[in-house]
Every structure is written in C-alpha cells, then in structure tokens.
Amino acid sequence: MSDYARTLPIFIGHGTADPVVKFQHGQKSAEYLTSDCSIKKATEEDLVGITFKSYDSMGHQSSPQEISDIAKFLQKVIPTIPE
C-alpha cells in the first residue's frame, strides 16, 4: 500500500441483507484496509480513510439513503472548481 493511497477518502456502503456479497464480507473488507493496510477510519471532520456505512435490510442494490450518503461524501471530498 503506497503512502499516497493512505491519504485518499474511500466510501464503502453495504446492505445488511445482501445475498450475493454477504454483509460480513463488506465489513471484513473495511477491517482489512484499516488493520492490514494501515488506512485509518475516516471521521465526519476528516474524510481521509475509510468511511463504512451499512444499510439495514438492503440487498445487492443501492437505496435512496445510500445514494444520498454517497452524494454528501462526494460533495465533501471533490473540490469545487471556481468559476
């Protein structure tokens, strides 16, 4: 894992009822990135690192809440281009 990769904001969303990619695999992926790859967990104030969000009863799809969370995440991490 490069030092640069550890400075990136990463969003992982996963449904708790996903029958294709089990929820625990999503959790373990986020845990692997933090424990084995030394990528920190992001906070509301500092989005560098892993942001993991779970969505109750969501299967292998997206939901309006997940799309909203992704949009908010992207608005925070993508710089605004001045006109």
C-alpha atoms as a PDB file:
ATOM      1  CA  MET A   1       0.000   0.000   0.000  1.00  0.00           C
ATOM      2  CA  SER A   2       1.502   3.320  -1.019  1.00  0.00           C
ATOM      3  CA  ASP A   3       1.646   6.323   1.279  1.00  0.00           C
ATOM      4  CA  TYR A   4      -0.465   8.203  -1.270  1.00  0.00           C
ATOM      5  CA  ALA A   5      -3.199   5.544  -1.162  1.00  0.00           C
ATOM      6  CA  ARG A   6      -3.449   6.068   2.602  1.00  0.00           C
ATOM      7  CA  THR A   7      -4.358   9.739   2.003  1.00  0.00           C
ATOM      8  CA  LEU A   8      -7.440   9.011  -0.116  1.00  0.00           C
ATOM      9  CA  PRO A   9     -11.050   9.175   1.087  1.00  0.00           C
ATOM     10  CA  ILE A  10     -12.800   5.822   0.490  1.00  0.00           C
ATOM     11  CA  PHE A  11     -16.536   5.156   0.797  1.00  0.00           C
ATOM     12  CA  ILE A  12     -17.843   1.624   1.291  1.00  0.00           C
ATOM     13  CA  GLY A  13     -21.577   1.035   1.526  1.00  0.00           C
ATOM     14  CA  HIS A  14     -23.098  -2.383   2.126  1.00  0.00           C
ATOM     15  CA  GLY A  15     -26.582  -3.770   2.679  1.00  0.00           C
ATOM     16  CA  THR A  16     -27.102  -5.999   5.688  1.00  0.00           C
ATOM     17  CA  ALA A  17     -29.345  -8.315   3.637  1.00  0.00           C
ATOM     18  CA  ASP A  18     -27.109  -8.694   0.582  1.00  0.00           C
ATOM     19  CA  PRO A  19     -27.495 -12.310  -0.622  1.00  0.00           C
ATOM     20  CA  VAL A  20     -24.722 -12.043  -3.249  1.00  0.00           C
ATOM     21  CA  VAL A  21     -21.859 -10.458  -1.282  1.00  0.00           C
ATOM     22  CA  LYS A  22     -22.567 -11.233   2.357  1.00  0.00           C
ATOM     23  CA  PHE A  23     -22.553  -8.264   4.735  1.00  0.00           C
ATOM     24  CA  GLN A  24     -19.735  -9.725   6.817  1.00  0.00           C
ATOM     25  CA  HIS A  25     -17.507  -9.706   3.701  1.00  0.00           C
ATOM     26  CA  GLY A  26     -18.085  -5.968   3.313  1.00  0.00           C
ATOM     27  CA  GLN A  27     -17.270  -5.452   6.973  1.00  0.00           C
ATOM     28  CA  LYS A  28     -14.150  -7.607   6.718  1.00  0.00           C
ATOM     29  CA  SER A  29     -13.002  -5.671   3.635  1.00  0.00           C
ATOM     30  CA  ALA A  30     -13.170  -2.404   5.569  1.00  0.00           C
ATOM     31  CA  GLU A  31     -11.444  -4.025   8.554  1.00  0.00           C
ATOM     32  CA  TYR A  32      -8.692  -5.408   6.315  1.00  0.00           C
ATOM     33  CA  LEU A  33      -7.998  -1.978   4.843  1.00  0.00           C
ATOM     34  CA  THR A  34      -7.722  -0.434   8.310  1.00  0.00           C
ATOM     35  CA  SER A  35      -5.828  -3.209  10.081  1.00  0.00           C
ATOM     36  CA  ASP A  36      -3.620  -4.797   7.419  1.00  0.00           C
ATOM     37  CA  CYS A  37      -3.181  -1.842   5.038  1.00  0.00           C
ATOM     38  CA  SER A  38      -2.911   0.844   7.733  1.00  0.00           C
ATOM     39  CA  ILE A  39      -5.656   3.019   6.277  1.00  0.00           C
ATOM     40  CA  LYS A  40      -7.328   4.946   9.065  1.00  0.00           C
ATOM     41  CA  LYS A  41     -11.051   5.175   9.657  1.00  0.00           C
ATOM     42  CA  ALA A  42     -12.483   8.459   8.451  1.00  0.00           C
ATOM     43  CA  THR A  43     -14.386  10.831  10.712  1.00  0.00           C
ATOM     44  CA  GLU A  44     -17.048  13.446   9.989  1.00  0.00           C
ATOM     45  CA  GLU A  45     -14.349  16.128  10.245  1.00  0.00           C
ATOM     46  CA  ASP A  46     -11.660  14.261   8.281  1.00  0.00           C
ATOM     47  CA  LEU A  47     -12.853  12.045   5.435  1.00  0.00           C
ATOM     48  CA  VAL A  48      -9.377  10.738   4.592  1.00  0.00           C
ATOM     49  CA  GLY A  49      -9.516   6.991   5.117  1.00  0.00           C
ATOM     50  CA  ILE A  50     -12.367   4.505   5.195  1.00  0.00           C
ATOM     51  CA  THR A  51     -15.989   5.544   5.554  1.00  0.00           C
ATOM     52  CA  PHE A  52     -18.063   2.367   6.009  1.00  0.00           C
ATOM     53  CA  LYS A  53     -21.846   2.629   6.092  1.00  0.00           C
ATOM     54  CA  SER A  54     -24.299  -0.194   6.487  1.00  0.00           C
ATOM     55  CA  TYR A  55     -27.875  -0.158   5.256  1.00  0.00           C
ATOM     56  CA  ASP A  56     -30.426  -2.224   7.156  1.00  0.00           C
ATOM     57  CA  SER A  57     -32.441  -4.704   5.090  1.00  0.00           C
ATOM     58  CA  MET A  58     -30.817  -3.597   1.810  1.00  0.00           C
ATOM     59  CA  GLY A  59     -29.886  -6.411  -0.545  1.00  0.00           C
ATOM     60  CA  HIS A  60     -27.483  -6.381  -3.505  1.00  0.00           C
ATOM     61  CA  GLN A  61     -28.605  -2.983  -4.780  1.00  0.00           C
ATOM     62  CA  SER A  62     -28.499   0.657  -3.816  1.00  0.00           C
ATOM     63  CA  SER A  63     -31.067   2.613  -1.870  1.00  0.00           C
ATOM     64  CA  PRO A  64     -32.094   6.276  -1.818  1.00  0.00           C
ATOM     65  CA  GLN A  65     -30.288   6.632   1.528  1.00  0.00           C
ATOM     66  CA  GLU A  66     -27.073   5.149   0.168  1.00  0.00           C
ATOM     67  CA  ILE A  67     -27.210   7.409  -2.909  1.00  0.00           C
ATOM     68  CA  SER A  68     -27.738  10.404  -0.612  1.00  0.00           C
ATOM     69  CA  ASP A  69     -24.788   9.356   1.577  1.00  0.00           C
ATOM     70  CA  ILE A  70     -22.551   8.947  -1.486  1.00  0.00           C
ATOM     71  CA  ALA A  71     -23.597  12.353  -2.831  1.00  0.00           C
ATOM     72  CA  LYS A  72     -22.801  14.028   0.508  1.00  0.00           C
ATOM     73  CA  PHE A  73     -19.464  12.209   0.654  1.00  0.00           C
ATOM     74  CA  LEU A  74     -18.532  13.312  -2.882  1.00  0.00           C
ATOM     75  CA  GLN A  75     -19.562  16.914  -2.210  1.00  0.00           C
ATOM     76  CA  LYS A  76     -17.149  16.956   0.712  1.00  0.00           C
ATOM     77  CA  VAL A  77     -14.190  15.275  -0.987  1.00  0.00           C
ATOM     78  CA  ILE A  78     -14.288  16.730  -4.505  1.00  0.00           C
ATOM     79  CA  PRO A  79     -13.039  20.308  -4.555  1.00  0.00           C
ATOM     80  CA  THR A  80     -15.286  22.986  -6.006  1.00  0.00           C
ATOM     81  CA  ILE A  81     -13.973  24.493  -9.220  1.00  0.00           C
ATOM     82  CA  PRO A  82     -14.168  28.283  -9.083  1.00  0.00           C
ATOM     83  CA  GLU A  83     -15.967  29.964 -11.975  1.00  0.00           C
END
